[in-house]
PDB file of all heavy atoms in Angstrom:
ATOM      1  N   GLN A   1       1.881  -5.573  -5.260  1.00  0.00           N
ATOM      2  CA  GLN A   1       0.994  -5.705  -6.427  1.00  0.00           C
ATOM      3  C   GLN A   1      -0.450  -6.097  -6.054  1.00  0.00           C
ATOM      4  O   GLN A   1      -1.308  -6.169  -6.892  1.00  0.00           O
ATOM      5  CB  GLN A   1       1.543  -6.715  -7.411  1.00  0.00           C
ATOM      6  CG  GLN A   1       3.013  -6.645  -7.720  1.00  0.00           C
ATOM      7  CD  GLN A   1       3.473  -5.290  -8.242  1.00  0.00           C
ATOM      8  OE1 GLN A   1       2.792  -4.641  -9.016  1.00  0.00           O
ATOM      9  NE2 GLN A   1       4.660  -4.863  -7.820  1.00  0.00           N
ATOM     10  N   PHE A   2      -0.721  -6.361  -4.786  1.00  0.00           N
ATOM     11  CA  PHE A   2      -1.996  -6.946  -4.354  1.00  0.00           C
ATOM     12  C   PHE A   2      -3.167  -5.979  -4.479  1.00  0.00           C
ATOM     13  O   PHE A   2      -4.316  -6.436  -4.519  1.00  0.00           O
ATOM     14  CB  PHE A   2      -1.891  -7.451  -2.916  1.00  0.00           C
ATOM     15  CG  PHE A   2      -1.037  -8.663  -2.768  1.00  0.00           C
ATOM     16  CD1 PHE A   2      -0.692  -9.108  -1.498  1.00  0.00           C
ATOM     17  CD2 PHE A   2      -0.561  -9.400  -3.836  1.00  0.00           C
ATOM     18  CE1 PHE A   2       0.109 -10.228  -1.297  1.00  0.00           C
ATOM     19  CE2 PHE A   2       0.247 -10.510  -3.666  1.00  0.00           C
ATOM     20  CZ  PHE A   2       0.569 -10.936  -2.408  1.00  0.00           C
ATOM     21  N   ALA A   3      -2.950  -4.667  -4.424  1.00  0.00           N
ATOM     22  CA  ALA A   3      -4.025  -3.694  -4.483  1.00  0.00           C
ATOM     23  C   ALA A   3      -3.469  -2.373  -5.025  1.00  0.00           C
ATOM     24  O   ALA A   3      -2.247  -2.165  -4.992  1.00  0.00           O
ATOM     25  CB  ALA A   3      -4.619  -3.481  -3.073  1.00  0.00           C
ATOM     26  N   PRO A   4      -4.320  -1.499  -5.510  1.00  0.00           N
ATOM     27  CA  PRO A   4      -3.846  -0.218  -6.008  1.00  0.00           C
ATOM     28  C   PRO A   4      -3.155   0.578  -4.898  1.00  0.00           C
ATOM     29  O   PRO A   4      -3.571   0.530  -3.737  1.00  0.00           O
ATOM     30  CB  PRO A   4      -5.115   0.512  -6.460  1.00  0.00           C
ATOM     31  CG  PRO A   4      -6.138  -0.513  -6.579  1.00  0.00           C
ATOM     32  CD  PRO A   4      -5.785  -1.641  -5.663  1.00  0.00           C
ATOM     33  N   VAL A   5      -2.099   1.296  -5.270  1.00  0.00           N
ATOM     34  CA  VAL A   5      -1.363   2.130  -4.342  1.00  0.00           C
ATOM     35  C   VAL A   5      -1.685   3.597  -4.657  1.00  0.00           C
ATOM     36  O   VAL A   5      -1.523   4.034  -5.773  1.00  0.00           O
ATOM     37  CB  VAL A   5       0.156   1.865  -4.453  1.00  0.00           C
ATOM     38  CG1 VAL A   5       0.949   2.852  -3.630  1.00  0.00           C
ATOM     39  CG2 VAL A   5       0.477   0.435  -4.057  1.00  0.00           C
ATOM     40  N   PHE A   6      -2.113   4.318  -3.624  1.00  0.00           N
ATOM     41  CA  PHE A   6      -2.423   5.753  -3.794  1.00  0.00           C
ATOM     42  C   PHE A   6      -1.576   6.643  -2.874  1.00  0.00           C
ATOM     43  O   PHE A   6      -1.593   7.840  -3.036  1.00  0.00           O
ATOM     44  CB  PHE A   6      -3.898   5.997  -3.485  1.00  0.00           C
ATOM     45  CG  PHE A   6      -4.831   5.422  -4.501  1.00  0.00           C
ATOM     46  CD1 PHE A   6      -5.492   4.247  -4.275  1.00  0.00           C
ATOM     47  CD2 PHE A   6      -5.059   6.064  -5.706  1.00  0.00           C
ATOM     48  CE1 PHE A   6      -6.367   3.703  -5.193  1.00  0.00           C
ATOM     49  CE2 PHE A   6      -5.907   5.563  -6.654  1.00  0.00           C
ATOM     50  CZ  PHE A   6      -6.564   4.358  -6.404  1.00  0.00           C
ATOM     51  N   ALA A   7      -0.859   6.061  -1.934  1.00  0.00           N
ATOM     52  CA  ALA A   7      -0.070   6.856  -0.986  1.00  0.00           C
ATOM     53  C   ALA A   7       1.264   6.121  -0.710  1.00  0.00           C
ATOM     54  O   ALA A   7       1.274   4.924  -0.503  1.00  0.00           O
ATOM     55  CB  ALA A   7      -0.843   7.078   0.305  1.00  0.00           C
ATOM     56  N   ILE A   8       2.328   6.895  -0.710  1.00  0.00           N
ATOM     57  CA  ILE A   8       3.671   6.344  -0.483  1.00  0.00           C
ATOM     58  C   ILE A   8       4.443   7.305   0.415  1.00  0.00           C
ATOM     59  O   ILE A   8       4.324   8.515   0.265  1.00  0.00           O
ATOM     60  CB  ILE A   8       4.447   6.205  -1.797  1.00  0.00           C
ATOM     61  CG1 ILE A   8       3.710   5.302  -2.769  1.00  0.00           C
ATOM     62  CG2 ILE A   8       5.853   5.661  -1.561  1.00  0.00           C
ATOM     63  CD1 ILE A   8       4.328   5.279  -4.170  1.00  0.00           C
ATOM     64  N   THR A   9       5.207   6.754   1.339  1.00  0.00           N
ATOM     65  CA  THR A   9       6.133   7.572   2.108  1.00  0.00           C
ATOM     66  C   THR A   9       7.387   6.776   2.377  1.00  0.00           C
ATOM     67  O   THR A   9       7.382   5.545   2.351  1.00  0.00           O
ATOM     68  CB  THR A   9       5.510   8.062   3.445  1.00  0.00           C
ATOM     69  OG1 THR A   9       6.350   9.092   3.996  1.00  0.00           O
ATOM     70  CG2 THR A   9       5.347   6.942   4.439  1.00  0.00           C
ATOM     71  N   THR A  10       8.473   7.488   2.591  1.00  0.00           N
ATOM     72  CA  THR A  10       9.724   6.818   3.000  1.00  0.00           C
ATOM     73  C   THR A  10       9.915   6.985   4.468  1.00  0.00           C
ATOM     74  O   THR A  10       9.422   7.924   5.085  1.00  0.00           O
ATOM     75  CB  THR A  10      10.950   7.416   2.254  1.00  0.00           C
ATOM     76  OG1 THR A  10      10.998   8.801   2.524  1.00  0.00           O
ATOM     77  CG2 THR A  10      10.834   7.173   0.763  1.00  0.00           C
ATOM     78  N   LEU A  11      10.633   6.056   5.079  1.00  0.00           N
ATOM     79  CA  LEU A  11      10.929   6.082   6.501  1.00  0.00           C
ATOM     80  C   LEU A  11      12.115   5.157   6.733  1.00  0.00           C
ATOM     81  O   LEU A  11      12.569   4.496   5.791  1.00  0.00           O
ATOM     82  CB  LEU A  11       9.726   5.646   7.336  1.00  0.00           C
ATOM     83  CG  LEU A  11       9.234   4.212   7.183  1.00  0.00           C
ATOM     84  CD1 LEU A  11       8.498   3.782   8.441  1.00  0.00           C
ATOM     85  CD2 LEU A  11       8.259   4.119   6.022  1.00  0.00           C
ATOM     86  N   ASP A  12      12.604   5.115   7.924  1.00  0.00           N
ATOM     87  CA  ASP A  12      13.662   4.181   8.295  1.00  0.00           C
ATOM     88  C   ASP A  12      13.174   3.435   9.511  1.00  0.00           C
ATOM     89  O   ASP A  12      13.626   3.675  10.635  1.00  0.00           O
ATOM     90  CB  ASP A  12      14.979   4.919   8.562  1.00  0.00           C
ATOM     91  CG  ASP A  12      16.166   3.960   8.754  1.00  0.00           C
ATOM     92  OD1 ASP A  12      15.992   2.738   8.553  1.00  0.00           O
ATOM     93  OD2 ASP A  12      17.234   4.439   9.108  1.00  0.00           O
ATOM     94  N   TYR A  13      12.238   2.509   9.297  1.00  0.00           N
ATOM     95  CA  TYR A  13      11.560   1.863  10.414  1.00  0.00           C
ATOM     96  C   TYR A  13      12.492   1.027  11.268  1.00  0.00           C
ATOM     97  O   TYR A  13      12.281   0.874  12.464  1.00  0.00           O
ATOM     98  CB  TYR A  13      10.379   1.011   9.902  1.00  0.00           C
ATOM     99  CG  TYR A  13      10.687  -0.431   9.683  1.00  0.00           C
ATOM    100  CD1 TYR A  13      10.357  -1.381  10.638  1.00  0.00           C
ATOM    101  CD2 TYR A  13      11.330  -0.856   8.535  1.00  0.00           C
ATOM    102  CE1 TYR A  13      10.644  -2.727  10.441  1.00  0.00           C
ATOM    103  CE2 TYR A  13      11.629  -2.178   8.318  1.00  0.00           C
ATOM    104  CZ  TYR A  13      11.287  -3.112   9.281  1.00  0.00           C
ATOM    105  OH  TYR A  13      11.596  -4.411   9.103  1.00  0.00           O
ATOM    106  N   ASN A  14      13.556   0.454  10.693  1.00  0.00           N
ATOM    107  CA  ASN A  14      14.439  -0.411  11.462  1.00  0.00           C
ATOM    108  C   ASN A  14      15.758   0.303  11.845  1.00  0.00           C
ATOM    109  O   ASN A  14      16.666  -0.319  12.370  1.00  0.00           O
ATOM    110  CB  ASN A  14      14.752  -1.682  10.706  1.00  0.00           C
ATOM    111  CG  ASN A  14      15.369  -1.441   9.348  1.00  0.00           C
ATOM    112  OD1 ASN A  14      15.469  -0.313   8.902  1.00  0.00           O
ATOM    113  ND2 ASN A  14      15.756  -2.500   8.687  1.00  0.00           N
ATOM    114  N   GLN A  15      15.860   1.603  11.573  1.00  0.00           N
ATOM    115  CA  GLN A  15      16.969   2.441  11.956  1.00  0.00           C
ATOM    116  C   GLN A  15      18.318   1.902  11.488  1.00  0.00           C
ATOM    117  O   GLN A  15      19.322   1.958  12.201  1.00  0.00           O
ATOM    118  CB  GLN A  15      16.997   2.588  13.507  1.00  0.00           C
ATOM    119  CG  GLN A  15      15.719   3.122  14.102  1.00  0.00           C
ATOM    120  CD  GLN A  15      15.384   4.533  13.623  1.00  0.00           C
ATOM    121  OE1 GLN A  15      16.182   5.406  13.715  1.00  0.00           O
ATOM    122  NE2 GLN A  15      14.168   4.706  13.084  1.00  0.00           N
ATOM    123  N   ASP A  16      18.362   1.379  10.251  1.00  0.00           N
ATOM    124  CA  ASP A  16      19.610   0.883   9.703  1.00  0.00           C
ATOM    125  C   ASP A  16      20.289   1.888   8.761  1.00  0.00           C
ATOM    126  O   ASP A  16      21.299   1.605   8.151  1.00  0.00           O
ATOM    127  CB  ASP A  16      19.405  -0.458   8.978  1.00  0.00           C
ATOM    128  CG  ASP A  16      18.538  -0.361   7.744  1.00  0.00           C
ATOM    129  OD1 ASP A  16      17.962   0.742   7.449  1.00  0.00           O
ATOM    130  OD2 ASP A  16      18.353  -1.379   7.069  1.00  0.00           O
ATOM    131  N   GLY A  17      19.683   3.089   8.621  1.00  0.00           N
ATOM    132  CA  GLY A  17      20.232   4.119   7.781  1.00  0.00           C
ATOM    133  C   GLY A  17      19.882   3.968   6.302  1.00  0.00           C
ATOM    134  O   GLY A  17      20.306   4.798   5.501  1.00  0.00           O
ATOM    135  N   LYS A  18      19.129   2.940   5.972  1.00  0.00           N
ATOM    136  CA  LYS A  18      18.724   2.697   4.578  1.00  0.00           C
ATOM    137  C   LYS A  18      17.222   2.998   4.437  1.00  0.00           C
ATOM    138  O   LYS A  18      16.428   2.563   5.299  1.00  0.00           O
ATOM    139  CB  LYS A  18      18.984   1.263   4.181  1.00  0.00           C
ATOM    140  CG  LYS A  18      20.451   0.892   4.284  1.00  0.00           C
ATOM    141  CD  LYS A  18      20.664  -0.590   4.151  1.00  0.00           C
ATOM    142  CE  LYS A  18      22.095  -0.976   4.426  1.00  0.00           C
ATOM    143  NZ  LYS A  18      22.279  -2.402   4.594  1.00  0.00           N
ATOM    144  N   PRO A  19      16.825   3.760   3.413  1.00  0.00           N
ATOM    145  CA  PRO A  19      15.422   4.122   3.338  1.00  0.00           C
ATOM    146  C   PRO A  19      14.520   2.896   3.083  1.00  0.00           C
ATOM    147  O   PRO A  19      14.831   2.027   2.291  1.00  0.00           O
ATOM    148  CB  PRO A  19      15.364   5.060   2.128  1.00  0.00           C
ATOM    149  CG  PRO A  19      16.720   5.167   1.574  1.00  0.00           C
ATOM    150  CD  PRO A  19      17.632   4.322   2.369  1.00  0.00           C
ATOM    151  N   ASP A  20      13.417   2.892   3.828  1.00  0.00           N
ATOM    152  CA  ASP A  20      12.367   1.904   3.660  1.00  0.00           C
ATOM    153  C   ASP A  20      11.151   2.631   3.064  1.00  0.00           C
ATOM    154  O   ASP A  20      11.110   3.854   3.091  1.00  0.00           O
ATOM    155  CB  ASP A  20      12.004   1.249   4.993  1.00  0.00           C
ATOM    156  CG  ASP A  20      13.237   0.677   5.695  1.00  0.00           C
ATOM    157  OD1 ASP A  20      13.997  -0.045   5.032  1.00  0.00           O
ATOM    158  OD2 ASP A  20      13.426   0.988   6.875  1.00  0.00           O
ATOM    159  N   VAL A  21      10.207   1.865   2.528  1.00  0.00           N
ATOM    160  CA  VAL A  21       9.059   2.474   1.870  1.00  0.00           C
ATOM    161  C   VAL A  21       7.773   1.885   2.439  1.00  0.00           C
ATOM    162  O   VAL A  21       7.686   0.667   2.639  1.00  0.00           O
ATOM    163  CB  VAL A  21       9.119   2.243   0.345  1.00  0.00           C
ATOM    164  CG1 VAL A  21       7.911   2.777  -0.378  1.00  0.00           C
ATOM    165  CG2 VAL A  21      10.369   2.839  -0.263  1.00  0.00           C
ATOM    166  N   LEU A  22       6.790   2.730   2.646  1.00  0.00           N
ATOM    167  CA  LEU A  22       5.464   2.278   3.062  1.00  0.00           C
ATOM    168  C   LEU A  22       4.446   2.663   2.003  1.00  0.00           C
ATOM    169  O   LEU A  22       4.397   3.833   1.588  1.00  0.00           O
ATOM    170  CB  LEU A  22       5.094   2.956   4.400  1.00  0.00           C
ATOM    171  CG  LEU A  22       3.702   2.636   4.943  1.00  0.00           C
ATOM    172  CD1 LEU A  22       3.519   1.156   5.184  1.00  0.00           C
ATOM    173  CD2 LEU A  22       3.451   3.429   6.194  1.00  0.00           C
ATOM    174  N   LEU A  23       3.718   1.681   1.522  1.00  0.00           N
ATOM    175  CA  LEU A  23       2.697   1.870   0.499  1.00  0.00           C
ATOM    176  C   LEU A  23       1.331   1.629   1.103  1.00  0.00           C
ATOM    177  O   LEU A  23       1.141   0.755   1.951  1.00  0.00           O
ATOM    178  CB  LEU A  23       2.883   0.856  -0.624  1.00  0.00           C
ATOM    179  CG  LEU A  23       4.271   0.676  -1.205  1.00  0.00           C
ATOM    180  CD1 LEU A  23       4.288  -0.522  -2.190  1.00  0.00           C
ATOM    181  CD2 LEU A  23       4.720   1.929  -1.905  1.00  0.00           C
ATOM    182  N   ALA A  24       0.348   2.416   0.670  1.00  0.00           N
ATOM    183  CA  ALA A  24      -1.046   2.202   1.114  1.00  0.00           C
ATOM    184  C   ALA A  24      -1.958   2.577  -0.023  1.00  0.00           C
ATOM    185  O   ALA A  24      -1.559   3.255  -0.970  1.00  0.00           O
ATOM    186  CB  ALA A  24      -1.337   3.007   2.361  1.00  0.00           C
ATOM    187  N   GLY A  25      -3.190   2.144   0.053  1.00  0.00           N
ATOM    188  CA  GLY A  25      -4.143   2.449  -1.012  1.00  0.00           C
ATOM    189  C   GLY A  25      -5.462   1.758  -0.804  1.00  0.00           C
ATOM    190  O   GLY A  25      -6.132   1.961   0.182  1.00  0.00           O
ATOM    191  N   ASN A  26      -5.853   0.951  -1.786  1.00  0.00           N
ATOM    192  CA  ASN A  26      -7.120   0.238  -1.868  1.00  0.00           C
ATOM    193  C   ASN A  26      -8.146   1.014  -2.662  1.00  0.00           C
ATOM    194  O   ASN A  26      -8.028   2.228  -2.836  1.00  0.00           O
ATOM    195  CB  ASN A  26      -7.704  -0.166  -0.510  1.00  0.00           C
ATOM    196  CG  ASN A  26      -6.829  -1.157   0.205  1.00  0.00           C
ATOM    197  OD1 ASN A  26      -6.189  -1.971  -0.415  1.00  0.00           O
ATOM    198  ND2 ASN A  26      -6.800  -1.072   1.539  1.00  0.00           N
ATOM    199  N   LEU A  27      -9.143   0.299  -3.128  1.00  0.00           N
ATOM    200  CA  LEU A  27     -10.250   0.898  -3.898  1.00  0.00           C
ATOM    201  C   LEU A  27     -11.486   0.067  -3.606  1.00  0.00           C
ATOM    202  O   LEU A  27     -11.700  -0.997  -4.178  1.00  0.00           O
ATOM    203  CB  LEU A  27      -9.934   0.911  -5.373  1.00  0.00           C
ATOM    204  CG  LEU A  27     -10.928   1.572  -6.298  1.00  0.00           C
ATOM    205  CD1 LEU A  27     -11.073   3.047  -5.951  1.00  0.00           C
ATOM    206  CD2 LEU A  27     -10.485   1.439  -7.739  1.00  0.00           C
ATOM    207  N   ASN A  28     -12.305   0.557  -2.671  1.00  0.00           N
ATOM    208  CA  ASN A  28     -13.509  -0.178  -2.288  1.00  0.00           C
ATOM    209  C   ASN A  28     -14.738   0.174  -3.119  1.00  0.00           C
ATOM    210  O   ASN A  28     -15.735  -0.511  -3.013  1.00  0.00           O
ATOM    211  CB  ASN A  28     -13.806   0.084  -0.799  1.00  0.00           C
ATOM    212  CG  ASN A  28     -12.924  -0.745   0.091  1.00  0.00           C
ATOM    213  OD1 ASN A  28     -13.054  -1.962   0.155  1.00  0.00           O
ATOM    214  ND2 ASN A  28     -11.988  -0.089   0.755  1.00  0.00           N
ATOM    215  N   GLN A  29     -14.656   1.227  -3.906  1.00  0.00           N
ATOM    216  CA  GLN A  29     -15.823   1.629  -4.713  1.00  0.00           C
ATOM    217  C   GLN A  29     -15.689   1.184  -6.167  1.00  0.00           C
ATOM    218  O   GLN A  29     -16.186   1.826  -7.060  1.00  0.00           O
ATOM    219  CB  GLN A  29     -15.971   3.159  -4.646  1.00  0.00           C
ATOM    220  CG  GLN A  29     -16.209   3.672  -3.266  1.00  0.00           C
ATOM    221  CD  GLN A  29     -17.486   3.105  -2.633  1.00  0.00           C
ATOM    222  OE1 GLN A  29     -18.495   2.969  -3.285  1.00  0.00           O
ATOM    223  NE2 GLN A  29     -17.402   2.758  -1.364  1.00  0.00           N
ATOM    224  N   ALA A  30     -15.053   0.063  -6.387  1.00  0.00           N
ATOM    225  CA  ALA A  30     -14.884  -0.470  -7.748  1.00  0.00           C
ATOM    226  C   ALA A  30     -16.223  -1.030  -8.240  1.00  0.00           C
ATOM    227  O   ALA A  30     -17.152  -1.283  -7.461  1.00  0.00           O
ATOM    228  CB  ALA A  30     -13.828  -1.571  -7.761  1.00  0.00           C
ATOM    229  N   ARG A  31     -16.317  -1.240  -9.533  1.00  0.00           N
ATOM    230  CA  ARG A  31     -17.524  -1.777 -10.117  1.00  0.00           C
ATOM    231  C   ARG A  31     -17.803  -3.179  -9.553  1.00  0.00           C
ATOM    232  O   ARG A  31     -16.903  -3.955  -9.270  1.00  0.00           O
ATOM    233  CB  ARG A  31     -17.380  -1.856 -11.614  1.00  0.00           C
ATOM    234  CG  ARG A  31     -17.298  -0.447 -12.227  1.00  0.00           C
ATOM    235  CD  ARG A  31     -17.098  -0.457 -13.707  1.00  0.00           C
ATOM    236  NE  ARG A  31     -18.120  -1.256 -14.344  1.00  0.00           N
ATOM    237  CZ  ARG A  31     -18.050  -1.687 -15.583  1.00  0.00           C
ATOM    238  NH1 ARG A  31     -17.001  -1.401 -16.312  1.00  0.00           N
ATOM    239  NH2 ARG A  31     -19.017  -2.395 -16.114  1.00  0.00           N
ATOM    240  N   LEU A  32     -19.091  -3.482  -9.370  1.00  0.00           N
ATOM    241  CA  LEU A  32     -19.484  -4.747  -8.765  1.00  0.00           C
ATOM    242  C   LEU A  32     -18.920  -5.952  -9.496  1.00  0.00           C
ATOM    243  O   LEU A  32     -18.545  -6.942  -8.871  1.00  0.00           O
ATOM    244  CB  LEU A  32     -20.998  -4.827  -8.736  1.00  0.00           C
ATOM    245  CG  LEU A  32     -21.719  -3.923  -7.726  1.00  0.00           C
ATOM    246  CD1 LEU A  32     -23.224  -4.080  -7.850  1.00  0.00           C
ATOM    247  CD2 LEU A  32     -21.265  -4.198  -6.322  1.00  0.00           C
ATOM    248  N   ARG A  33     -18.840  -5.896 -10.791  1.00  0.00           N
ATOM    249  CA  ARG A  33     -18.365  -7.037 -11.570  1.00  0.00           C
ATOM    250  C   ARG A  33     -16.935  -7.401 -11.198  1.00  0.00           C
ATOM    251  O   ARG A  33     -16.558  -8.569 -11.206  1.00  0.00           O
ATOM    252  CB  ARG A  33     -18.446  -6.737 -13.068  1.00  0.00           C
ATOM    253  CG  ARG A  33     -18.012  -7.878 -13.913  1.00  0.00           C
ATOM    254  CD  ARG A  33     -18.262  -7.605 -15.384  1.00  0.00           C
ATOM    255  NE  ARG A  33     -17.885  -8.774 -16.162  1.00  0.00           N
ATOM    256  CZ  ARG A  33     -18.014  -8.853 -17.435  1.00  0.00           C
ATOM    257  NH1 ARG A  33     -18.540  -7.853 -18.114  1.00  0.00           N
ATOM    258  NH2 ARG A  33     -17.620  -9.912 -18.084  1.00  0.00           N
ATOM    259  N   PHE A  34     -16.141  -6.416 -10.854  1.00  0.00           N
ATOM    260  CA  PHE A  34     -14.731  -6.669 -10.532  1.00  0.00           C
ATOM    261  C   PHE A  34     -14.477  -6.838  -9.037  1.00  0.00           C
ATOM    262  O   PHE A  34     -13.471  -7.389  -8.648  1.00  0.00           O
ATOM    263  CB  PHE A  34     -13.864  -5.558 -11.099  1.00  0.00           C
ATOM    264  CG  PHE A  34     -13.989  -5.400 -12.568  1.00  0.00           C
ATOM    265  CD1 PHE A  34     -14.583  -4.281 -13.125  1.00  0.00           C
ATOM    266  CD2 PHE A  34     -13.537  -6.400 -13.434  1.00  0.00           C
ATOM    267  CE1 PHE A  34     -14.713  -4.161 -14.492  1.00  0.00           C
ATOM    268  CE2 PHE A  34     -13.666  -6.277 -14.791  1.00  0.00           C
ATOM    269  CZ  PHE A  34     -14.269  -5.156 -15.344  1.00  0.00           C
ATOM    270  N   GLY A  35     -15.352  -6.317  -8.215  1.00  0.00           N
ATOM    271  CA  GLY A  35     -15.164  -6.438  -6.771  1.00  0.00           C
ATOM    272  C   GLY A  35     -14.235  -5.391  -6.219  1.00  0.00           C
ATOM    273  O   GLY A  35     -13.744  -4.513  -6.924  1.00  0.00           O
ATOM    274  N   LYS A  36     -13.989  -5.489  -4.904  1.00  0.00           N
ATOM    275  CA  LYS A  36     -13.134  -4.502  -4.233  1.00  0.00           C
ATOM    276  C   LYS A  36     -11.657  -4.851  -4.469  1.00  0.00           C
ATOM    277  O   LYS A  36     -11.297  -6.009  -4.643  1.00  0.00           O
ATOM    278  CB  LYS A  36     -13.398  -4.547  -2.740  1.00  0.00           C
ATOM    279  CG  LYS A  36     -14.784  -4.135  -2.358  1.00  0.00           C
ATOM    280  CD  LYS A  36     -14.963  -4.258  -0.861  1.00  0.00           C
ATOM    281  CE  LYS A  36     -16.330  -3.785  -0.430  1.00  0.00           C
ATOM    282  NZ  LYS A  36     -16.468  -3.833   1.018  1.00  0.00           N
ATOM    283  N   TYR A  37     -10.855  -3.797  -4.441  1.00  0.00           N
ATOM    284  CA  TYR A  37      -9.397  -3.971  -4.490  1.00  0.00           C
ATOM    285  C   TYR A  37      -8.898  -3.483  -3.116  1.00  0.00           C
ATOM    286  O   TYR A  37      -8.491  -2.347  -2.980  1.00  0.00           O
ATOM    287  CB  TYR A  37      -8.795  -3.112  -5.612  1.00  0.00           C
ATOM    288  CG  TYR A  37      -9.347  -3.393  -6.989  1.00  0.00           C
ATOM    289  CD1 TYR A  37     -10.176  -2.473  -7.602  1.00  0.00           C
ATOM    290  CD2 TYR A  37      -9.033  -4.563  -7.648  1.00  0.00           C
ATOM    291  CE1 TYR A  37     -10.691  -2.718  -8.874  1.00  0.00           C
ATOM    292  CE2 TYR A  37      -9.528  -4.833  -8.906  1.00  0.00           C
ATOM    293  CZ  TYR A  37     -10.347  -3.905  -9.523  1.00  0.00           C
ATOM    294  OH  TYR A  37     -10.850  -4.160 -10.759  1.00  0.00           O
ATOM    295  N   ASP A  38      -8.930  -4.362  -2.135  1.00  0.00           N
ATOM    296  CA  ASP A  38      -8.661  -3.922  -0.757  1.00  0.00           C
ATOM    297  C   ASP A  38      -7.712  -4.839   0.012  1.00  0.00           C
ATOM    298  O   ASP A  38      -7.870  -5.066   1.186  1.00  0.00           O
ATOM    299  CB  ASP A  38      -9.968  -3.762  -0.004  1.00  0.00           C
ATOM    300  CG  ASP A  38     -10.731  -5.060   0.160  1.00  0.00           C
ATOM    301  OD1 ASP A  38     -10.365  -6.069  -0.466  1.00  0.00           O
ATOM    302  OD2 ASP A  38     -11.711  -5.063   0.939  1.00  0.00           O
ATOM    303  N   ALA A  39      -6.669  -5.347  -0.660  1.00  0.00           N
ATOM    304  CA  ALA A  39      -5.766  -6.270  -0.019  1.00  0.00           C
ATOM    305  C   ALA A  39      -4.506  -5.599   0.537  1.00  0.00           C
ATOM    306  O   ALA A  39      -3.558  -6.274   0.930  1.00  0.00           O
ATOM    307  CB  ALA A  39      -5.360  -7.365  -1.032  1.00  0.00           C
ATOM    308  N   ASN A  40      -4.504  -4.279   0.610  1.00  0.00           N
ATOM    309  CA  ASN A  40      -3.338  -3.559   1.143  1.00  0.00           C
ATOM    310  C   ASN A  40      -3.700  -2.998   2.529  1.00  0.00           C
ATOM    311  O   ASN A  40      -4.527  -2.133   2.642  1.00  0.00           O
ATOM    312  CB  ASN A  40      -2.952  -2.442   0.192  1.00  0.00           C
ATOM    313  CG  ASN A  40      -1.691  -1.710   0.628  1.00  0.00           C
ATOM    314  OD1 ASN A  40      -1.392  -1.615   1.778  1.00  0.00           O
ATOM    315  ND2 ASN A  40      -0.953  -1.208  -0.332  1.00  0.00           N
ATOM    316  N   TYR A  41      -3.079  -3.530   3.563  1.00  0.00           N
ATOM    317  CA  TYR A  41      -3.292  -3.080   4.936  1.00  0.00           C
ATOM    318  C   TYR A  41      -2.127  -2.234   5.436  1.00  0.00           C
ATOM    319  O   TYR A  41      -1.948  -2.081   6.614  1.00  0.00           O
ATOM    320  CB  TYR A  41      -3.519  -4.268   5.848  1.00  0.00           C
ATOM    321  CG  TYR A  41      -4.742  -5.053   5.486  1.00  0.00           C
ATOM    322  CD1 TYR A  41      -4.636  -6.290   4.849  1.00  0.00           C
ATOM    323  CD2 TYR A  41      -6.014  -4.542   5.745  1.00  0.00           C
ATOM    324  CE1 TYR A  41      -5.756  -6.993   4.494  1.00  0.00           C
ATOM    325  CE2 TYR A  41      -7.158  -5.271   5.373  1.00  0.00           C
ATOM    326  CZ  TYR A  41      -7.006  -6.476   4.770  1.00  0.00           C
ATOM    327  OH  TYR A  41      -8.152  -7.176   4.413  1.00  0.00           O
ATOM    328  N   GLY A  42      -1.390  -1.694   4.487  1.00  0.00           N
ATOM    329  CA  GLY A  42      -0.146  -0.971   4.773  1.00  0.00           C
ATOM    330  C   GLY A  42       0.995  -1.921   4.433  1.00  0.00           C
ATOM    331  O   GLY A  42       1.260  -2.873   5.162  1.00  0.00           O
ATOM    332  N   THR A  43       1.633  -1.709   3.290  1.00  0.00           N
ATOM    333  CA  THR A  43       2.690  -2.593   2.837  1.00  0.00           C
ATOM    334  C   THR A  43       4.039  -1.955   3.102  1.00  0.00           C
ATOM    335  O   THR A  43       4.397  -0.961   2.467  1.00  0.00           O
ATOM    336  CB  THR A  43       2.519  -2.887   1.317  1.00  0.00           C
ATOM    337  OG1 THR A  43       1.232  -3.462   1.091  1.00  0.00           O
ATOM    338  CG2 THR A  43       3.575  -3.846   0.821  1.00  0.00           C
ATOM    339  N   LEU A  44       4.750  -2.513   4.063  1.00  0.00           N
ATOM    340  CA  LEU A  44       6.072  -1.995   4.416  1.00  0.00           C
ATOM    341  C   LEU A  44       7.142  -2.774   3.669  1.00  0.00           C
ATOM    342  O   LEU A  44       7.133  -4.013   3.680  1.00  0.00           O
ATOM    343  CB  LEU A  44       6.277  -2.126   5.934  1.00  0.00           C
ATOM    344  CG  LEU A  44       7.600  -1.598   6.482  1.00  0.00           C
ATOM    345  CD1 LEU A  44       7.794  -0.115   6.188  1.00  0.00           C
ATOM    346  CD2 LEU A  44       7.697  -1.834   7.982  1.00  0.00           C
ATOM    347  N   LEU A  45       8.021  -2.045   2.985  1.00  0.00           N
ATOM    348  CA  LEU A  45       9.082  -2.651   2.216  1.00  0.00           C
ATOM    349  C   LEU A  45      10.420  -2.174   2.779  1.00  0.00           C
ATOM    350  O   LEU A  45      10.683  -0.944   2.843  1.00  0.00           O
ATOM    351  CB  LEU A  45       8.997  -2.268   0.736  1.00  0.00           C
ATOM    352  CG  LEU A  45       7.684  -2.630   0.052  1.00  0.00           C
ATOM    353  CD1 LEU A  45       7.663  -2.074  -1.373  1.00  0.00           C
ATOM    354  CD2 LEU A  45       7.459  -4.123   0.050  1.00  0.00           C
TER     355      LEU A  45
END
């Protein structure tokens, strides 16, 4: 929930046979009053 998500993919990063999800996004061109939404550095779930 920390930043907007614009890209999602599934993977099995730990090779346990269960799907994992990687989220990415951010919005650096937001209006000045609200500031940047850039707290997502690649969110692995």
